[in-house]
């Protein structure tokens, strides 16, 4: 089956997280500030590719750095490119190519969605909604977005892997 994509969302101190993405020896570690709703944006962007969207873009604020994700629908696959820009205050209008490429891969939409669902579900199991909000502070855990992505994934993709659908009580 080859090397598997892995994504981890690790809540750190008050208002910070680390998003780790790896595929074999290729790895990226992205520091994320709560100034953006990073986990929700990541889940929602993948979800948008199940509709009419051909490209989804969002960014993590890494104070002051911008970490820009570009997801391109390629049929059953998704091209993922992650760029870094030194200053969010001036980079929002810059084209993707002006950033430093941190990560690029092509994954099946099914595999990408499944890996993201697992990563978000791990965070929810570990922290619960209240614990997540206590650490992330500005944004609640994106339960509805997680459930919507899971619904889209199960409806559109032929995924035979197990899917954890539990939401711990508050």
C-alpha atoms as a PDB file:
ATOM      1  CA  UNK A   1       0.000   0.000   0.000  1.00  0.00           C
ATOM      2  CA  UNK A   2       3.016   2.321   0.201  1.00  0.00           C
ATOM      3  CA  UNK A   3       3.895   5.087   2.634  1.00  0.00           C
ATOM      4  CA  UNK A   4       0.921   6.522   4.464  1.00  0.00           C
ATOM      5  CA  UNK A   5       0.177  10.173   5.020  1.00  0.00           C
ATOM      6  CA  UNK A   6       0.051  11.161   8.687  1.00  0.00           C
ATOM      7  CA  UNK A   7      -1.301  14.345  10.224  1.00  0.00           C
ATOM      8  CA  UNK A   8      -1.232  15.291  13.901  1.00  0.00           C
ATOM      9  CA  UNK A   9      -2.787  18.306  15.614  1.00  0.00           C
ATOM     10  CA  UNK A  10      -1.061  18.842  18.948  1.00  0.00           C
ATOM     11  CA  UNK A  11      -2.422  21.549  21.259  1.00  0.00           C
ATOM     12  CA  UNK A  12       0.405  23.312  23.068  1.00  0.00           C
ATOM     13  CA  UNK A  13       0.320  26.139  25.561  1.00  0.00           C
ATOM     14  CA  UNK A  14      -2.510  28.660  25.668  1.00  0.00           C
ATOM     15  CA  UNK A  15      -3.490  29.510  22.077  1.00  0.00           C
ATOM     16  CA  UNK A  16      -0.847  27.491  20.222  1.00  0.00           C
ATOM     17  CA  UNK A  17      -0.808  24.198  18.331  1.00  0.00           C
ATOM     18  CA  UNK A  18       1.620  22.250  16.187  1.00  0.00           C
ATOM     19  CA  UNK A  19       0.365  20.603  13.018  1.00  0.00           C
ATOM     20  CA  UNK A  20       2.669  17.808  11.914  1.00  0.00           C
ATOM     21  CA  UNK A  21       2.336  16.301   8.465  1.00  0.00           C
ATOM     22  CA  UNK A  22       4.463  13.464   7.158  1.00  0.00           C
ATOM     23  CA  UNK A  23       4.649  10.962   4.353  1.00  0.00           C
ATOM     24  CA  UNK A  24       7.625   8.658   4.717  1.00  0.00           C
ATOM     25  CA  UNK A  25      10.787  10.738   5.205  1.00  0.00           C
ATOM     26  CA  UNK A  26       9.078  13.980   4.088  1.00  0.00           C
ATOM     27  CA  UNK A  27       7.943  15.948   7.133  1.00  0.00           C
ATOM     28  CA  UNK A  28       6.678  19.411   7.994  1.00  0.00           C
ATOM     29  CA  UNK A  29       5.972  20.920  11.390  1.00  0.00           C
ATOM     30  CA  UNK A  30       3.699  23.966  11.354  1.00  0.00           C
ATOM     31  CA  UNK A  31       3.235  26.225  14.370  1.00  0.00           C
ATOM     32  CA  UNK A  32      -0.310  27.577  14.535  1.00  0.00           C
ATOM     33  CA  UNK A  33      -1.719  30.466  16.557  1.00  0.00           C
ATOM     34  CA  UNK A  34      -5.307  30.734  17.730  1.00  0.00           C
ATOM     35  CA  UNK A  35      -5.613  33.983  15.755  1.00  0.00           C
ATOM     36  CA  UNK A  36      -6.991  31.734  13.032  1.00  0.00           C
ATOM     37  CA  UNK A  37      -9.306  28.773  13.593  1.00  0.00           C
ATOM     38  CA  UNK A  38      -6.751  26.422  12.055  1.00  0.00           C
ATOM     39  CA  UNK A  39      -8.278  23.010  12.711  1.00  0.00           C
ATOM     40  CA  UNK A  40     -11.742  24.150  11.609  1.00  0.00           C
ATOM     41  CA  UNK A  41     -10.303  25.784   8.467  1.00  0.00           C
ATOM     42  CA  UNK A  42      -8.371  22.636   7.594  1.00  0.00           C
ATOM     43  CA  UNK A  43     -11.419  20.359   7.968  1.00  0.00           C
ATOM     44  CA  UNK A  44     -13.740  22.779   6.134  1.00  0.00           C
ATOM     45  CA  UNK A  45     -11.324  23.215   3.222  1.00  0.00           C
ATOM     46  CA  UNK A  46     -11.152  19.474   2.611  1.00  0.00           C
ATOM     47  CA  UNK A  47     -14.931  19.359   2.869  1.00  0.00           C
ATOM     48  CA  UNK A  48     -15.285  22.081   0.238  1.00  0.00           C
ATOM     49  CA  UNK A  49     -13.557  19.837  -2.303  1.00  0.00           C
ATOM     50  CA  UNK A  50     -16.546  17.487  -2.197  1.00  0.00           C
ATOM     51  CA  UNK A  51     -18.623  20.226  -3.841  1.00  0.00           C
ATOM     52  CA  UNK A  52     -18.006  22.531  -6.752  1.00  0.00           C
ATOM     53  CA  UNK A  53     -14.735  23.972  -5.413  1.00  0.00           C
ATOM     54  CA  UNK A  54     -11.700  23.197  -7.530  1.00  0.00           C
ATOM     55  CA  UNK A  55      -9.276  24.956  -5.200  1.00  0.00           C
ATOM     56  CA  UNK A  56      -9.402  25.694  -1.495  1.00  0.00           C
ATOM     57  CA  UNK A  57      -7.051  28.113   0.233  1.00  0.00           C
ATOM     58  CA  UNK A  58      -6.721  28.977   3.887  1.00  0.00           C
ATOM     59  CA  UNK A  59      -3.917  30.023   6.178  1.00  0.00           C
ATOM     60  CA  UNK A  60      -2.576  29.506   9.651  1.00  0.00           C
ATOM     61  CA  UNK A  61      -1.391  32.580  11.502  1.00  0.00           C
ATOM     62  CA  UNK A  62       1.982  31.752  13.001  1.00  0.00           C
ATOM     63  CA  UNK A  63       2.549  35.296  14.311  1.00  0.00           C
ATOM     64  CA  UNK A  64       3.898  36.955  12.231  1.00  0.00           C
ATOM     65  CA  UNK A  65       4.355  34.210   9.627  1.00  0.00           C
ATOM     66  CA  UNK A  66       1.584  33.110   7.279  1.00  0.00           C
ATOM     67  CA  UNK A  67       1.363  29.375   6.569  1.00  0.00           C
ATOM     68  CA  UNK A  68      -0.802  29.085   3.452  1.00  0.00           C
ATOM     69  CA  UNK A  69      -2.439  25.836   2.390  1.00  0.00           C
ATOM     70  CA  UNK A  70      -3.530  25.373  -1.220  1.00  0.00           C
ATOM     71  CA  UNK A  71      -5.656  22.322  -2.004  1.00  0.00           C
ATOM     72  CA  UNK A  72      -6.380  21.564  -5.647  1.00  0.00           C
ATOM     73  CA  UNK A  73      -9.018  19.085  -6.765  1.00  0.00           C
ATOM     74  CA  UNK A  74      -7.440  16.666  -9.240  1.00  0.00           C
ATOM     75  CA  UNK A  75     -10.349  14.298  -9.784  1.00  0.00           C
ATOM     76  CA  UNK A  76     -10.107  11.562  -7.162  1.00  0.00           C
ATOM     77  CA  UNK A  77      -6.880  13.138  -5.861  1.00  0.00           C
ATOM     78  CA  UNK A  78      -6.000  16.364  -4.085  1.00  0.00           C
ATOM     79  CA  UNK A  79      -2.789  18.285  -4.650  1.00  0.00           C
ATOM     80  CA  UNK A  80      -1.607  19.770  -1.355  1.00  0.00           C
ATOM     81  CA  UNK A  81       0.891  22.637  -1.272  1.00  0.00           C
ATOM     82  CA  UNK A  82       1.878  24.493   1.888  1.00  0.00           C
ATOM     83  CA  UNK A  83       3.752  27.795   1.639  1.00  0.00           C
ATOM     84  CA  UNK A  84       5.369  30.032   4.225  1.00  0.00           C
ATOM     85  CA  UNK A  85       5.394  33.827   4.018  1.00  0.00           C
ATOM     86  CA  UNK A  86       7.483  35.855   6.485  1.00  0.00           C
ATOM     87  CA  UNK A  87       4.832  38.446   7.385  1.00  0.00           C
ATOM     88  CA  UNK A  88       1.095  37.875   7.375  1.00  0.00           C
ATOM     89  CA  UNK A  89       0.459  41.620   7.342  1.00  0.00           C
ATOM     90  CA  UNK A  90       1.832  41.922   3.796  1.00  0.00           C
ATOM     91  CA  UNK A  91       1.526  38.413   2.360  1.00  0.00           C
ATOM     92  CA  UNK A  92      -2.227  37.963   2.000  1.00  0.00           C
ATOM     93  CA  UNK A  93      -2.248  39.559  -1.447  1.00  0.00           C
ATOM     94  CA  UNK A  94       0.870  37.774  -2.699  1.00  0.00           C
ATOM     95  CA  UNK A  95       0.592  34.851  -5.120  1.00  0.00           C
ATOM     96  CA  UNK A  96       1.322  31.383  -3.787  1.00  0.00           C
ATOM     97  CA  UNK A  97       4.573  31.158  -5.746  1.00  0.00           C
ATOM     98  CA  UNK A  98       6.020  34.097  -3.773  1.00  0.00           C
ATOM     99  CA  UNK A  99       6.023  31.931  -0.660  1.00  0.00           C
ATOM    100  CA  UNK A 100       8.575  29.312   0.354  1.00  0.00           C
ATOM    101  CA  UNK A 101       7.245  25.838  -0.386  1.00  0.00           C
ATOM    102  CA  UNK A 102       7.233  23.823   2.862  1.00  0.00           C
ATOM    103  CA  UNK A 103       5.310  20.767   1.720  1.00  0.00           C
ATOM    104  CA  UNK A 104       3.782  19.310  -1.396  1.00  0.00           C
ATOM    105  CA  UNK A 105       2.087  15.996  -2.058  1.00  0.00           C
ATOM    106  CA  UNK A 106      -0.761  14.442  -3.943  1.00  0.00           C
ATOM    107  CA  UNK A 107      -3.152  12.214  -2.041  1.00  0.00           C
ATOM    108  CA  UNK A 108      -6.462  10.616  -2.795  1.00  0.00           C
ATOM    109  CA  UNK A 109      -9.246  12.786  -1.425  1.00  0.00           C
ATOM    110  CA  UNK A 110     -10.476   9.746   0.495  1.00  0.00           C
ATOM    111  CA  UNK A 111      -7.107   9.169   2.190  1.00  0.00           C
ATOM    112  CA  UNK A 112      -6.614  12.869   2.982  1.00  0.00           C
ATOM    113  CA  UNK A 113     -10.099  13.210   4.459  1.00  0.00           C
ATOM    114  CA  UNK A 114      -9.728  10.025   6.475  1.00  0.00           C
ATOM    115  CA  UNK A 115      -6.360  11.052   7.950  1.00  0.00           C
ATOM    116  CA  UNK A 116      -7.726  14.493   8.888  1.00  0.00           C
ATOM    117  CA  UNK A 117     -10.815  12.963  10.470  1.00  0.00           C
ATOM    118  CA  UNK A 118      -8.599  10.690  12.572  1.00  0.00           C
ATOM    119  CA  UNK A 119      -6.389  13.613  13.643  1.00  0.00           C
ATOM    120  CA  UNK A 120      -9.355  15.759  14.695  1.00  0.00           C
ATOM    121  CA  UNK A 121     -11.030  12.848  16.475  1.00  0.00           C
ATOM    122  CA  UNK A 122      -7.801  12.208  18.464  1.00  0.00           C
ATOM    123  CA  UNK A 123      -7.815  15.843  19.616  1.00  0.00           C
ATOM    124  CA  UNK A 124     -11.454  15.591  20.642  1.00  0.00           C
ATOM    125  CA  UNK A 125     -10.867  12.331  22.554  1.00  0.00           C
ATOM    126  CA  UNK A 126      -7.788  13.733  24.299  1.00  0.00           C
ATOM    127  CA  UNK A 127      -9.170  17.138  25.303  1.00  0.00           C
ATOM    128  CA  UNK A 128     -12.950  17.048  24.919  1.00  0.00           C
ATOM    129  CA  UNK A 129     -14.770  20.175  23.816  1.00  0.00           C
ATOM    130  CA  UNK A 130     -14.206  22.034  27.094  1.00  0.00           C
ATOM    131  CA  UNK A 131     -10.509  21.133  27.283  1.00  0.00           C
ATOM    132  CA  UNK A 132      -9.998  22.180  23.667  1.00  0.00           C
ATOM    133  CA  UNK A 133     -11.632  25.559  24.291  1.00  0.00           C
ATOM    134  CA  UNK A 134      -9.591  26.035  27.468  1.00  0.00           C
ATOM    135  CA  UNK A 135      -6.349  25.579  25.493  1.00  0.00           C
ATOM    136  CA  UNK A 136      -7.370  27.139  22.157  1.00  0.00           C
ATOM    137  CA  UNK A 137      -9.447  29.900  23.866  1.00  0.00           C
ATOM    138  CA  UNK A 138     -10.771  31.872  20.877  1.00  0.00           C
ATOM    139  CA  UNK A 139     -12.526  29.060  19.010  1.00  0.00           C
ATOM    140  CA  UNK A 140     -14.530  26.027  20.163  1.00  0.00           C
ATOM    141  CA  UNK A 141     -13.779  22.566  18.853  1.00  0.00           C
ATOM    142  CA  UNK A 142     -15.307  22.344  15.344  1.00  0.00           C
ATOM    143  CA  UNK A 143     -17.735  19.486  16.077  1.00  0.00           C
ATOM    144  CA  UNK A 144     -20.204  20.394  13.305  1.00  0.00           C
ATOM    145  CA  UNK A 145     -17.442  20.742  10.696  1.00  0.00           C
ATOM    146  CA  UNK A 146     -15.918  17.420  11.771  1.00  0.00           C
ATOM    147  CA  UNK A 147     -19.323  15.707  11.491  1.00  0.00           C
ATOM    148  CA  UNK A 148     -19.971  17.312   8.104  1.00  0.00           C
ATOM    149  CA  UNK A 149     -16.618  16.173   6.706  1.00  0.00           C
ATOM    150  CA  UNK A 150     -17.221  12.662   8.045  1.00  0.00           C
ATOM    151  CA  UNK A 151     -20.663  12.605   6.398  1.00  0.00           C
ATOM    152  CA  UNK A 152     -19.215  13.754   3.048  1.00  0.00           C
ATOM    153  CA  UNK A 153     -16.333  11.276   3.273  1.00  0.00           C
ATOM    154  CA  UNK A 154     -18.580   8.315   4.053  1.00  0.00           C
ATOM    155  CA  UNK A 155     -21.109   9.288   1.394  1.00  0.00           C
ATOM    156  CA  UNK A 156     -18.694   9.981  -1.484  1.00  0.00           C
ATOM    157  CA  UNK A 157     -15.588   7.897  -0.825  1.00  0.00           C
ATOM    158  CA  UNK A 158     -15.212   4.176  -0.756  1.00  0.00           C
ATOM    159  CA  UNK A 159     -13.364   3.953   2.528  1.00  0.00           C
ATOM    160  CA  UNK A 160     -13.299   0.588   4.256  1.00  0.00           C
ATOM    161  CA  UNK A 161     -11.310   1.875   7.237  1.00  0.00           C
ATOM    162  CA  UNK A 162     -12.847   2.246  10.702  1.00  0.00           C
ATOM    163  CA  UNK A 163     -14.390   5.620  11.539  1.00  0.00           C
ATOM    164  CA  UNK A 164     -14.636   6.830  15.141  1.00  0.00           C
ATOM    165  CA  UNK A 165     -17.850   8.803  15.443  1.00  0.00           C
ATOM    166  CA  UNK A 166     -17.922   9.435  19.164  1.00  0.00           C
ATOM    167  CA  UNK A 167     -18.194  12.898  20.599  1.00  0.00           C
ATOM    168  CA  UNK A 168     -17.203  12.858  24.280  1.00  0.00           C
ATOM    169  CA  UNK A 169     -19.696  14.523  26.620  1.00  0.00           C
ATOM    170  CA  UNK A 170     -18.941  18.116  27.581  1.00  0.00           C
END
